[in-house]
Amino acid sequence: MTPGDQLIYGEPPRVLPDPACPQPDAGQPLADPAAGPDGDAFSPPEGITARWGRWAAQVLVVGLVLLMGAEMVVRSAFGWSIQFSNELGGYALVAITFLSLASGQLLHAYHSVHFVEKRLGPRGRARLRLFFDLLATAVTLVLFVELARFEWLSWKSGDVAATTLMTPLWIPRLAMPLGTLALLWALLRVLAGDVRRLRALPR
């Protein structure tokens, strides 16, 4: 049956396998479409923890834009400033930075340099990936411990901001250990994928 007959009689066209793009085996995991060019079938999906952090960061970005817009309108129309805009803007920037770390890691939003990987074979690339992810996990663990200690000291001391709002500093600082903990969980999932990738490669 010709392609024209297929259109006339309603038979769906037959798709022949492309030798340049072989289909994955039934037993192999499928790649996540959101993984980006640096992801593969062993890369973990974003997950609910990272997704919540990304949503919170997006809400804060919208709130920050609205706050800065209101500040500009008030300054130009009435000649005075919203006194707490700089304070809340600083808190929002810190929260956006830390709460989006896990999502950026799992969605491969960070820049990667591949000039070393291109000179290695598949197993060498998998080992290099595992090594750097182990280093990143160790650094993130140390950072989480220190930030959690810093948060505990802030809550215990009862420090407040020297501003009109007198914000208890443990509240805006809470985003730092929470975001780092989410990143640590994301890196542990990435490490599990690295191990599966290395085991799947032929020796």
N, C-alpha and C. Protein backbone atom coordinates (compact mmCIF):
# COMPACT_ATOMS: atom_id res chain seq x y z
N MET A 1 0.85 -1.19 0.00
CA MET A 1 0.00 0.00 0.00
C MET A 1 0.88 1.23 0.00
N THR A 2 0.58 2.15 -0.87
CA THR A 2 1.37 3.37 -1.00
C THR A 2 1.01 4.35 0.10
N PRO A 3 1.86 5.38 0.35
CA PRO A 3 1.51 6.39 1.35
C PRO A 3 0.19 7.08 1.05
N GLY A 4 -0.13 7.29 -0.27
CA GLY A 4 -1.40 7.91 -0.61
C GLY A 4 -2.59 7.04 -0.24
N ASP A 5 -2.47 5.72 -0.48
CA ASP A 5 -3.54 4.81 -0.08
C ASP A 5 -3.73 4.78 1.44
N GLN A 6 -2.62 4.91 2.16
CA GLN A 6 -2.73 4.92 3.61
C GLN A 6 -3.54 6.11 4.10
N LEU A 7 -3.33 7.27 3.45
CA LEU A 7 -4.09 8.46 3.83
C LEU A 7 -5.56 8.31 3.46
N ILE A 8 -5.85 7.68 2.30
CA ILE A 8 -7.24 7.56 1.84
C ILE A 8 -8.01 6.58 2.71
N TYR A 9 -7.43 5.41 2.99
CA TYR A 9 -8.15 4.36 3.69
C TYR A 9 -7.98 4.44 5.22
N GLY A 10 -7.20 5.41 5.66
CA GLY A 10 -7.09 5.62 7.10
C GLY A 10 -6.16 4.68 7.81
N GLU A 11 -5.35 3.92 7.11
CA GLU A 11 -4.40 3.02 7.78
C GLU A 11 -3.21 3.84 8.26
N PRO A 12 -2.83 3.68 9.50
CA PRO A 12 -1.69 4.45 10.00
C PRO A 12 -0.41 4.04 9.27
N PRO A 13 0.45 5.01 8.99
CA PRO A 13 1.70 4.69 8.29
C PRO A 13 2.60 3.83 9.15
N ARG A 14 3.35 2.98 8.50
CA ARG A 14 4.29 2.11 9.20
C ARG A 14 5.61 2.85 9.38
N VAL A 15 6.11 2.79 10.61
CA VAL A 15 7.37 3.45 10.93
C VAL A 15 8.46 2.39 10.97
N LEU A 16 9.43 2.50 10.09
CA LEU A 16 10.54 1.56 10.04
C LEU A 16 11.60 1.97 11.04
N PRO A 17 12.28 1.02 11.65
CA PRO A 17 13.33 1.38 12.61
C PRO A 17 14.49 2.09 11.92
N ASP A 18 14.98 3.11 12.60
CA ASP A 18 16.11 3.89 12.08
C ASP A 18 17.39 3.28 12.62
N PRO A 19 18.30 2.80 11.76
CA PRO A 19 19.54 2.20 12.28
C PRO A 19 20.42 3.18 13.01
N ALA A 20 20.28 4.48 12.70
CA ALA A 20 21.11 5.48 13.39
C ALA A 20 20.60 5.77 14.79
N CYS A 21 19.32 5.51 15.05
CA CYS A 21 18.73 5.76 16.36
C CYS A 21 18.03 4.49 16.82
N PRO A 22 18.74 3.50 17.29
CA PRO A 22 18.11 2.25 17.69
C PRO A 22 17.19 2.44 18.87
N GLN A 23 16.15 1.60 18.90
CA GLN A 23 15.19 1.66 19.99
C GLN A 23 15.79 1.00 21.23
N PRO A 24 15.47 1.54 22.44
CA PRO A 24 16.00 0.91 23.66
C PRO A 24 15.36 -0.44 23.89
N ASP A 25 16.11 -1.31 24.55
CA ASP A 25 15.60 -2.62 24.89
C ASP A 25 14.49 -2.48 25.93
N ALA A 26 13.64 -3.51 25.97
CA ALA A 26 12.51 -3.46 26.90
C ALA A 26 12.98 -3.46 28.35
N GLY A 27 14.13 -4.06 28.62
CA GLY A 27 14.60 -4.12 29.99
C GLY A 27 15.40 -2.92 30.44
N GLN A 28 15.71 -2.00 29.52
CA GLN A 28 16.51 -0.84 29.87
C GLN A 28 15.60 0.31 30.29
N PRO A 29 16.03 1.12 31.28
CA PRO A 29 15.22 2.27 31.68
C PRO A 29 15.23 3.33 30.59
N LEU A 30 14.11 4.05 30.49
CA LEU A 30 13.97 5.09 29.48
C LEU A 30 14.49 6.40 30.04
N ALA A 31 15.04 7.22 29.16
CA ALA A 31 15.58 8.51 29.58
C ALA A 31 14.45 9.46 29.92
N ASP A 32 14.70 10.31 30.93
CA ASP A 32 13.73 11.32 31.31
C ASP A 32 13.78 12.45 30.30
N PRO A 33 12.64 12.83 29.67
CA PRO A 33 12.68 13.92 28.69
C PRO A 33 13.15 15.23 29.27
N ALA A 34 12.99 15.45 30.59
CA ALA A 34 13.42 16.70 31.20
C ALA A 34 14.86 16.67 31.65
N ALA A 35 15.58 15.58 31.37
CA ALA A 35 16.95 15.47 31.86
C ALA A 35 17.92 16.36 31.11
N GLY A 36 17.59 16.79 29.90
CA GLY A 36 18.49 17.66 29.17
C GLY A 36 19.57 16.88 28.46
N PRO A 37 20.48 17.58 27.78
CA PRO A 37 21.52 16.89 27.01
C PRO A 37 22.51 16.13 27.87
N ASP A 38 22.67 16.50 29.15
CA ASP A 38 23.63 15.82 30.02
C ASP A 38 23.02 14.62 30.74
N GLY A 39 21.74 14.39 30.59
CA GLY A 39 21.10 13.27 31.25
C GLY A 39 21.03 12.05 30.36
N ASP A 40 20.77 10.91 30.99
CA ASP A 40 20.60 9.67 30.25
C ASP A 40 19.55 8.83 30.97
N ALA A 41 19.46 7.57 30.57
CA ALA A 41 18.43 6.70 31.15
C ALA A 41 18.64 6.43 32.63
N PHE A 42 19.84 6.65 33.14
CA PHE A 42 20.13 6.38 34.54
C PHE A 42 20.04 7.64 35.40
N SER A 43 19.77 8.79 34.81
CA SER A 43 19.63 10.03 35.57
C SER A 43 18.28 10.04 36.28
N PRO A 44 18.25 10.34 37.57
CA PRO A 44 16.97 10.34 38.29
C PRO A 44 16.09 11.50 37.87
N PRO A 45 14.77 11.35 37.94
CA PRO A 45 13.88 12.47 37.64
C PRO A 45 13.95 13.53 38.74
N GLU A 46 13.24 14.62 38.52
CA GLU A 46 13.32 15.74 39.45
C GLU A 46 12.85 15.36 40.85
N GLY A 47 11.75 14.69 40.96
CA GLY A 47 11.27 14.26 42.27
C GLY A 47 10.47 15.36 42.97
N ILE A 48 9.70 14.95 43.97
CA ILE A 48 8.78 15.87 44.61
C ILE A 48 9.51 16.90 45.48
N THR A 49 10.61 16.50 46.13
CA THR A 49 11.33 17.44 46.99
C THR A 49 11.93 18.58 46.19
N ALA A 50 12.63 18.24 45.11
CA ALA A 50 13.21 19.28 44.26
C ALA A 50 12.14 20.10 43.57
N ARG A 51 11.03 19.46 43.21
CA ARG A 51 9.94 20.19 42.54
C ARG A 51 9.32 21.21 43.47
N TRP A 52 9.11 20.85 44.74
CA TRP A 52 8.57 21.82 45.70
C TRP A 52 9.53 22.99 45.88
N GLY A 53 10.83 22.70 45.96
CA GLY A 53 11.79 23.78 46.07
C GLY A 53 11.76 24.70 44.86
N ARG A 54 11.63 24.11 43.67
CA ARG A 54 11.56 24.94 42.46
C ARG A 54 10.30 25.78 42.45
N TRP A 55 9.18 25.20 42.84
CA TRP A 55 7.93 25.98 42.89
C TRP A 55 8.04 27.12 43.89
N ALA A 56 8.63 26.85 45.06
CA ALA A 56 8.80 27.91 46.05
C ALA A 56 9.70 29.02 45.52
N ALA A 57 10.77 28.64 44.83
CA ALA A 57 11.66 29.64 44.25
C ALA A 57 10.94 30.47 43.18
N GLN A 58 10.11 29.82 42.38
CA GLN A 58 9.37 30.55 41.36
C GLN A 58 8.38 31.53 41.97
N VAL A 59 7.70 31.12 43.05
CA VAL A 59 6.78 32.03 43.74
C VAL A 59 7.54 33.22 44.31
N LEU A 60 8.72 32.96 44.87
CA LEU A 60 9.52 34.05 45.43
C LEU A 60 10.01 35.00 44.34
N VAL A 61 10.34 34.47 43.18
CA VAL A 61 10.76 35.34 42.07
C VAL A 61 9.62 36.27 41.67
N VAL A 62 8.41 35.72 41.55
CA VAL A 62 7.25 36.54 41.20
C VAL A 62 7.00 37.60 42.28
N GLY A 63 7.07 37.18 43.55
CA GLY A 63 6.89 38.14 44.64
C GLY A 63 7.95 39.22 44.65
N LEU A 64 9.19 38.84 44.34
CA LEU A 64 10.27 39.81 44.30
C LEU A 64 10.06 40.83 43.18
N VAL A 65 9.62 40.36 42.02
CA VAL A 65 9.34 41.26 40.91
C VAL A 65 8.20 42.23 41.27
N LEU A 66 7.15 41.71 41.90
CA LEU A 66 6.04 42.58 42.31
C LEU A 66 6.48 43.60 43.35
N LEU A 67 7.33 43.17 44.28
CA LEU A 67 7.81 44.09 45.31
C LEU A 67 8.67 45.20 44.71
N MET A 68 9.56 44.83 43.80
CA MET A 68 10.40 45.84 43.15
C MET A 68 9.56 46.76 42.27
N GLY A 69 8.53 46.22 41.62
CA GLY A 69 7.64 47.06 40.83
C GLY A 69 6.89 48.05 41.68
N ALA A 70 6.40 47.58 42.84
CA ALA A 70 5.71 48.50 43.75
C ALA A 70 6.66 49.57 44.28
N GLU A 71 7.89 49.19 44.54
CA GLU A 71 8.89 50.17 45.00
C GLU A 71 9.13 51.25 43.95
N MET A 72 9.23 50.86 42.69
CA MET A 72 9.44 51.83 41.62
C MET A 72 8.24 52.76 41.46
N VAL A 73 7.03 52.20 41.55
CA VAL A 73 5.83 53.04 41.41
C VAL A 73 5.73 54.03 42.57
N VAL A 74 5.98 53.56 43.77
CA VAL A 74 5.89 54.43 44.94
C VAL A 74 6.94 55.53 44.89
N ARG A 75 8.15 55.18 44.47
CA ARG A 75 9.21 56.19 44.39
C ARG A 75 8.88 57.26 43.35
N SER A 76 8.42 56.82 42.18
CA SER A 76 8.16 57.79 41.11
C SER A 76 6.89 58.59 41.33
N ALA A 77 5.87 57.99 41.95
CA ALA A 77 4.59 58.67 42.10
C ALA A 77 4.50 59.51 43.37
N PHE A 78 5.06 59.00 44.46
CA PHE A 78 4.89 59.68 45.74
C PHE A 78 6.21 60.19 46.34
N GLY A 79 7.33 59.78 45.78
CA GLY A 79 8.61 60.28 46.25
C GLY A 79 9.08 59.68 47.56
N TRP A 80 8.53 58.55 47.96
CA TRP A 80 9.03 57.89 49.16
C TRP A 80 9.24 56.41 48.89
N SER A 81 9.88 55.73 49.81
CA SER A 81 10.30 54.35 49.59
C SER A 81 9.62 53.41 50.56
N ILE A 82 9.42 52.18 50.11
CA ILE A 82 8.96 51.11 51.01
C ILE A 82 10.16 50.68 51.84
N GLN A 83 10.12 50.95 53.11
CA GLN A 83 11.31 50.81 53.95
C GLN A 83 11.83 49.38 54.02
N PHE A 84 10.94 48.40 53.94
CA PHE A 84 11.37 47.01 54.13
C PHE A 84 11.61 46.28 52.82
N SER A 85 11.58 46.99 51.68
CA SER A 85 11.74 46.30 50.39
C SER A 85 13.13 45.69 50.23
N ASN A 86 14.16 46.43 50.64
CA ASN A 86 15.52 45.89 50.51
C ASN A 86 15.73 44.68 51.41
N GLU A 87 15.17 44.74 52.60
CA GLU A 87 15.32 43.61 53.53
C GLU A 87 14.63 42.36 52.99
N LEU A 88 13.38 42.49 52.58
CA LEU A 88 12.66 41.33 52.05
C LEU A 88 13.26 40.84 50.74
N GLY A 89 13.77 41.77 49.93
CA GLY A 89 14.43 41.36 48.69
C GLY A 89 15.67 40.54 48.94
N GLY A 90 16.45 40.91 49.95
CA GLY A 90 17.63 40.13 50.30
C GLY A 90 17.28 38.74 50.80
N TYR A 91 16.25 38.66 51.65
CA TYR A 91 15.81 37.35 52.13
C TYR A 91 15.33 36.48 50.96
N ALA A 92 14.61 37.09 50.02
CA ALA A 92 14.09 36.33 48.88
C ALA A 92 15.21 35.81 48.00
N LEU A 93 16.25 36.61 47.79
CA LEU A 93 17.37 36.16 46.96
C LEU A 93 18.08 34.96 47.58
N VAL A 94 18.27 35.00 48.89
CA VAL A 94 18.91 33.86 49.56
C VAL A 94 18.05 32.61 49.44
N ALA A 95 16.74 32.76 49.66
CA ALA A 95 15.85 31.60 49.58
C ALA A 95 15.78 31.05 48.15
N ILE A 96 15.73 31.93 47.16
CA ILE A 96 15.70 31.48 45.76
C ILE A 96 16.96 30.69 45.42
N THR A 97 18.10 31.19 45.88
CA THR A 97 19.37 30.52 45.58
C THR A 97 19.41 29.11 46.13
N PHE A 98 19.05 28.94 47.40
CA PHE A 98 19.21 27.64 48.04
C PHE A 98 18.07 26.68 47.71
N LEU A 99 16.85 27.17 47.58
CA LEU A 99 15.73 26.27 47.32
C LEU A 99 15.74 25.72 45.90
N SER A 100 16.44 26.37 45.00
CA SER A 100 16.48 25.90 43.61
C SER A 100 17.69 25.01 43.31
N LEU A 101 18.54 24.76 44.30
CA LEU A 101 19.76 23.97 44.05
C LEU A 101 19.44 22.55 43.62
N ALA A 102 18.54 21.88 44.32
CA ALA A 102 18.25 20.48 44.01
C ALA A 102 17.63 20.33 42.63
N SER A 103 16.70 21.21 42.30
CA SER A 103 16.06 21.13 40.98
C SER A 103 17.07 21.38 39.87
N GLY A 104 17.95 22.35 40.07
CA GLY A 104 18.98 22.61 39.07
C GLY A 104 19.90 21.43 38.85
N GLN A 105 20.22 20.71 39.93
CA GLN A 105 21.08 19.53 39.81
C GLN A 105 20.38 18.41 39.04
N LEU A 106 19.14 18.13 39.38
CA LEU A 106 18.44 17.00 38.76
C LEU A 106 17.98 17.30 37.34
N LEU A 107 17.77 18.57 37.02
CA LEU A 107 17.39 18.94 35.66
C LEU A 107 18.59 19.31 34.80
N HIS A 108 19.80 19.14 35.33
CA HIS A 108 21.04 19.39 34.60
C HIS A 108 21.09 20.83 34.08
N ALA A 109 20.75 21.77 34.98
CA ALA A 109 20.74 23.18 34.61
C ALA A 109 22.12 23.82 34.74
N TYR A 110 23.06 23.16 35.39
CA TYR A 110 24.38 23.74 35.60
C TYR A 110 25.30 23.40 34.44
N HIS A 111 26.26 24.27 34.21
CA HIS A 111 27.19 24.08 33.10
C HIS A 111 28.11 22.88 33.37
N SER A 112 28.40 22.15 32.34
CA SER A 112 29.32 21.01 32.42
C SER A 112 30.39 21.16 31.35
N VAL A 113 31.61 20.83 31.73
CA VAL A 113 32.75 20.89 30.81
C VAL A 113 33.07 19.46 30.37
N HIS A 114 33.09 19.22 29.08
CA HIS A 114 33.20 17.86 28.54
C HIS A 114 34.52 17.60 27.81
N PHE A 115 35.49 18.51 27.90
CA PHE A 115 36.70 18.28 27.11
C PHE A 115 37.51 17.11 27.63
N VAL A 116 37.37 16.76 28.91
CA VAL A 116 38.05 15.57 29.45
C VAL A 116 37.24 14.32 29.13
N GLU A 117 35.92 14.40 29.26
CA GLU A 117 35.08 13.23 29.00
C GLU A 117 35.18 12.76 27.56
N LYS A 118 35.38 13.67 26.63
CA LYS A 118 35.45 13.30 25.22
C LYS A 118 36.65 12.40 24.92
N ARG A 119 37.66 12.46 25.78
CA ARG A 119 38.87 11.65 25.55
C ARG A 119 38.81 10.32 26.28
N LEU A 120 37.71 10.03 26.94
CA LEU A 120 37.56 8.79 27.69
C LEU A 120 36.52 7.90 27.04
N GLY A 121 36.61 6.62 27.35
CA GLY A 121 35.60 5.68 26.89
C GLY A 121 34.36 5.75 27.76
N PRO A 122 33.34 4.95 27.44
CA PRO A 122 32.10 4.98 28.23
C PRO A 122 32.32 4.66 29.71
N ARG A 123 33.16 3.65 29.98
CA ARG A 123 33.40 3.29 31.38
C ARG A 123 34.22 4.36 32.10
N GLY A 124 35.17 4.97 31.40
CA GLY A 124 35.94 6.05 31.99
C GLY A 124 35.08 7.26 32.31
N ARG A 125 34.15 7.57 31.41
CA ARG A 125 33.24 8.69 31.66
C ARG A 125 32.34 8.40 32.85
N ALA A 126 31.88 7.16 32.97
CA ALA A 126 31.02 6.80 34.10
C ALA A 126 31.79 6.89 35.42
N ARG A 127 33.04 6.45 35.43
CA ARG A 127 33.84 6.54 36.65
C ARG A 127 34.13 7.99 37.02
N LEU A 128 34.45 8.82 36.02
CA LEU A 128 34.71 10.23 36.28
C LEU A 128 33.47 10.92 36.84
N ARG A 129 32.33 10.58 36.28
CA ARG A 129 31.07 11.15 36.76
C ARG A 129 30.80 10.75 38.20
N LEU A 130 31.04 9.49 38.51
CA LEU A 130 30.84 9.01 39.87
C LEU A 130 31.79 9.70 40.84
N PHE A 131 33.04 9.90 40.43
CA PHE A 131 34.04 10.53 41.29
C PHE A 131 33.64 11.96 41.64
N PHE A 132 33.27 12.74 40.64
CA PHE A 132 32.92 14.14 40.89
C PHE A 132 31.61 14.25 41.68
N ASP A 133 30.68 13.35 41.45
CA ASP A 133 29.45 13.38 42.23
C ASP A 133 29.71 13.00 43.69
N LEU A 134 30.67 12.11 43.93
CA LEU A 134 31.07 11.81 45.31
C LEU A 134 31.67 13.03 45.99
N LEU A 135 32.53 13.75 45.27
CA LEU A 135 33.11 14.98 45.83
C LEU A 135 32.03 16.01 46.14
N ALA A 136 31.10 16.18 45.21
CA ALA A 136 30.03 17.15 45.41
C ALA A 136 29.16 16.77 46.60
N THR A 137 28.91 15.48 46.78
CA THR A 137 28.11 15.03 47.91
C THR A 137 28.83 15.28 49.23
N ALA A 138 30.13 15.03 49.27
CA ALA A 138 30.90 15.27 50.49
C ALA A 138 30.91 16.75 50.86
N VAL A 139 31.12 17.62 49.88
CA VAL A 139 31.12 19.06 50.14
C VAL A 139 29.74 19.52 50.60
N THR A 140 28.70 19.00 49.97
CA THR A 140 27.34 19.39 50.34
C THR A 140 27.00 18.92 51.75
N LEU A 141 27.49 17.75 52.14
CA LEU A 141 27.25 17.25 53.49
C LEU A 141 27.90 18.16 54.53
N VAL A 142 29.15 18.56 54.29
CA VAL A 142 29.83 19.48 55.21
C VAL A 142 29.09 20.81 55.28
N LEU A 143 28.67 21.31 54.12
CA LEU A 143 27.95 22.58 54.09
C LEU A 143 26.63 22.49 54.84
N PHE A 144 25.92 21.37 54.70
CA PHE A 144 24.66 21.21 55.41
C PHE A 144 24.87 21.19 56.92
N VAL A 145 25.89 20.49 57.39
CA VAL A 145 26.16 20.43 58.83
C VAL A 145 26.44 21.82 59.37
N GLU A 146 27.27 22.59 58.67
CA GLU A 146 27.61 23.93 59.14
C GLU A 146 26.41 24.87 59.10
N LEU A 147 25.60 24.78 58.06
CA LEU A 147 24.42 25.65 57.97
C LEU A 147 23.37 25.27 59.01
N ALA A 148 23.23 23.97 59.28
CA ALA A 148 22.30 23.54 60.33
C ALA A 148 22.77 24.04 61.69
N ARG A 149 24.07 24.00 61.92
CA ARG A 149 24.62 24.53 63.18
C ARG A 149 24.40 26.04 63.27
N PHE A 150 24.61 26.74 62.16
CA PHE A 150 24.39 28.19 62.12
C PHE A 150 22.92 28.53 62.39
N GLU A 151 22.02 27.73 61.83
CA GLU A 151 20.58 27.95 62.06
C GLU A 151 20.22 27.72 63.52
N TRP A 152 20.79 26.68 64.11
CA TRP A 152 20.52 26.40 65.52
C TRP A 152 21.01 27.53 66.41
N LEU A 153 22.19 28.05 66.13
CA LEU A 153 22.71 29.16 66.92
C LEU A 153 21.86 30.42 66.75
N SER A 154 21.37 30.65 65.54
CA SER A 154 20.52 31.82 65.29
C SER A 154 19.21 31.72 66.07
N TRP A 155 18.63 30.52 66.10
CA TRP A 155 17.38 30.33 66.84
C TRP A 155 17.60 30.41 68.35
N LYS A 156 18.70 29.84 68.81
CA LYS A 156 18.97 29.81 70.24
C LYS A 156 19.31 31.19 70.79
N SER A 157 20.03 32.00 70.00
CA SER A 157 20.44 33.33 70.46
C SER A 157 19.31 34.35 70.36
N GLY A 158 18.31 34.08 69.52
CA GLY A 158 17.21 35.02 69.37
C GLY A 158 17.58 36.29 68.64
N ASP A 159 18.57 36.23 67.75
CA ASP A 159 18.98 37.42 67.00
C ASP A 159 17.85 37.91 66.11
N VAL A 160 17.72 39.23 66.02
CA VAL A 160 16.74 39.85 65.14
C VAL A 160 17.46 40.86 64.26
N ALA A 161 16.87 41.14 63.10
CA ALA A 161 17.45 42.11 62.18
C ALA A 161 17.30 43.52 62.74
N ALA A 162 18.35 44.32 62.56
CA ALA A 162 18.34 45.71 63.02
C ALA A 162 17.60 46.59 62.02
N THR A 163 16.33 46.27 61.78
CA THR A 163 15.49 46.99 60.83
C THR A 163 14.14 47.28 61.48
N THR A 164 13.28 47.97 60.72
CA THR A 164 11.95 48.28 61.25
C THR A 164 11.11 47.02 61.46
N LEU A 165 11.32 46.00 60.64
CA LEU A 165 10.57 44.75 60.80
C LEU A 165 11.05 43.92 61.98
N MET A 166 12.32 44.07 62.35
CA MET A 166 12.93 43.29 63.43
C MET A 166 12.67 41.79 63.22
N THR A 167 12.99 41.33 62.03
CA THR A 167 12.75 39.93 61.66
C THR A 167 13.67 39.00 62.46
N PRO A 168 13.14 37.98 63.12
CA PRO A 168 14.03 36.97 63.72
C PRO A 168 14.88 36.31 62.64
N LEU A 169 16.18 36.36 62.79
CA LEU A 169 17.07 35.95 61.70
C LEU A 169 17.02 34.45 61.42
N TRP A 170 16.51 33.66 62.35
CA TRP A 170 16.45 32.23 62.07
C TRP A 170 15.42 31.92 60.98
N ILE A 171 14.45 32.81 60.76
CA ILE A 171 13.41 32.56 59.75
C ILE A 171 13.98 32.65 58.34
N PRO A 172 14.62 33.76 57.94
CA PRO A 172 15.18 33.77 56.58
C PRO A 172 16.36 32.82 56.40
N ARG A 173 17.09 32.55 57.49
CA ARG A 173 18.23 31.64 57.38
C ARG A 173 17.81 30.18 57.26
N LEU A 174 16.56 29.87 57.56
CA LEU A 174 16.10 28.49 57.49
C LEU A 174 16.15 27.93 56.07
N ALA A 175 16.04 28.81 55.08
CA ALA A 175 16.08 28.35 53.68
C ALA A 175 17.43 27.76 53.32
N MET A 176 18.50 28.17 53.99
CA MET A 176 19.83 27.68 53.63
C MET A 176 20.02 26.21 53.99
N PRO A 177 19.78 25.76 55.23
CA PRO A 177 19.93 24.32 55.49
C PRO A 177 18.88 23.47 54.78
N LEU A 178 17.66 24.00 54.61
CA LEU A 178 16.63 23.22 53.91
C LEU A 178 17.01 23.00 52.45
N GLY A 179 17.46 24.06 51.79
CA GLY A 179 17.88 23.92 50.39
C GLY A 179 19.08 23.01 50.24
N THR A 180 20.03 23.10 51.18
CA THR A 180 21.21 22.24 51.12
C THR A 180 20.84 20.79 51.39
N LEU A 181 19.89 20.56 52.30
CA LEU A 181 19.44 19.19 52.55
C LEU A 181 18.76 18.60 51.32
N ALA A 182 17.96 19.39 50.63
CA ALA A 182 17.33 18.92 49.40
C ALA A 182 18.38 18.61 48.33
N LEU A 183 19.42 19.44 48.26
CA LEU A 183 20.50 19.17 47.31
C LEU A 183 21.24 17.89 47.68
N LEU A 184 21.46 17.66 48.97
CA LEU A 184 22.13 16.44 49.41
C LEU A 184 21.32 15.20 49.02
N TRP A 185 20.02 15.24 49.20
CA TRP A 185 19.16 14.12 48.80
C TRP A 185 19.21 13.92 47.29
N ALA A 186 19.22 15.02 46.54
CA ALA A 186 19.31 14.92 45.08
C ALA A 186 20.63 14.28 44.65
N LEU A 187 21.72 14.66 45.31
CA LEU A 187 23.03 14.09 44.95
C LEU A 187 23.11 12.61 45.31
N LEU A 188 22.48 12.21 46.40
CA LEU A 188 22.46 10.78 46.73
C LEU A 188 21.71 9.98 45.66
N ARG A 189 20.64 10.55 45.15
CA ARG A 189 19.92 9.88 44.05
C ARG A 189 20.76 9.84 42.78
N VAL A 190 21.51 10.91 42.54
CA VAL A 190 22.40 10.93 41.38
C VAL A 190 23.49 9.87 41.53
N LEU A 191 24.03 9.72 42.74
CA LEU A 191 25.05 8.70 42.98
C LEU A 191 24.50 7.30 42.73
N ALA A 192 23.27 7.05 43.14
CA ALA A 192 22.67 5.74 42.87
C ALA A 192 22.57 5.50 41.37
N GLY A 193 22.21 6.53 40.61
CA GLY A 193 22.18 6.39 39.16
C GLY A 193 23.56 6.18 38.57
N ASP A 194 24.58 6.83 39.16
CA ASP A 194 25.95 6.63 38.68
C ASP A 194 26.40 5.18 38.86
N VAL A 195 26.05 4.61 40.01
CA VAL A 195 26.43 3.21 40.27
C VAL A 195 25.72 2.28 39.30
N ARG A 196 24.45 2.51 39.05
CA ARG A 196 23.72 1.66 38.10
C ARG A 196 24.29 1.81 36.69
N ARG A 197 24.67 3.02 36.34
CA ARG A 197 25.25 3.24 35.01
C ARG A 197 26.57 2.49 34.87
N LEU A 198 27.40 2.53 35.90
CA LEU A 198 28.70 1.86 35.84
C LEU A 198 28.53 0.35 35.78
N ARG A 199 27.57 -0.19 36.50
CA ARG A 199 27.34 -1.63 36.49
C ARG A 199 26.76 -2.11 35.17
N ALA A 200 26.04 -1.25 34.48
CA ALA A 200 25.41 -1.65 33.22
C ALA A 200 26.39 -1.69 32.06
N LEU A 201 27.54 -1.03 32.20
CA LEU A 201 28.51 -1.00 31.11
C LEU A 201 29.32 -2.29 31.08
N PRO A 202 29.66 -2.76 29.90
CA PRO A 202 30.51 -3.96 29.81
C PRO A 202 31.92 -3.67 30.29
N ARG A 203 32.54 -4.66 30.88
CA ARG A 203 33.90 -4.49 31.38
C ARG A 203 34.92 -4.60 30.25
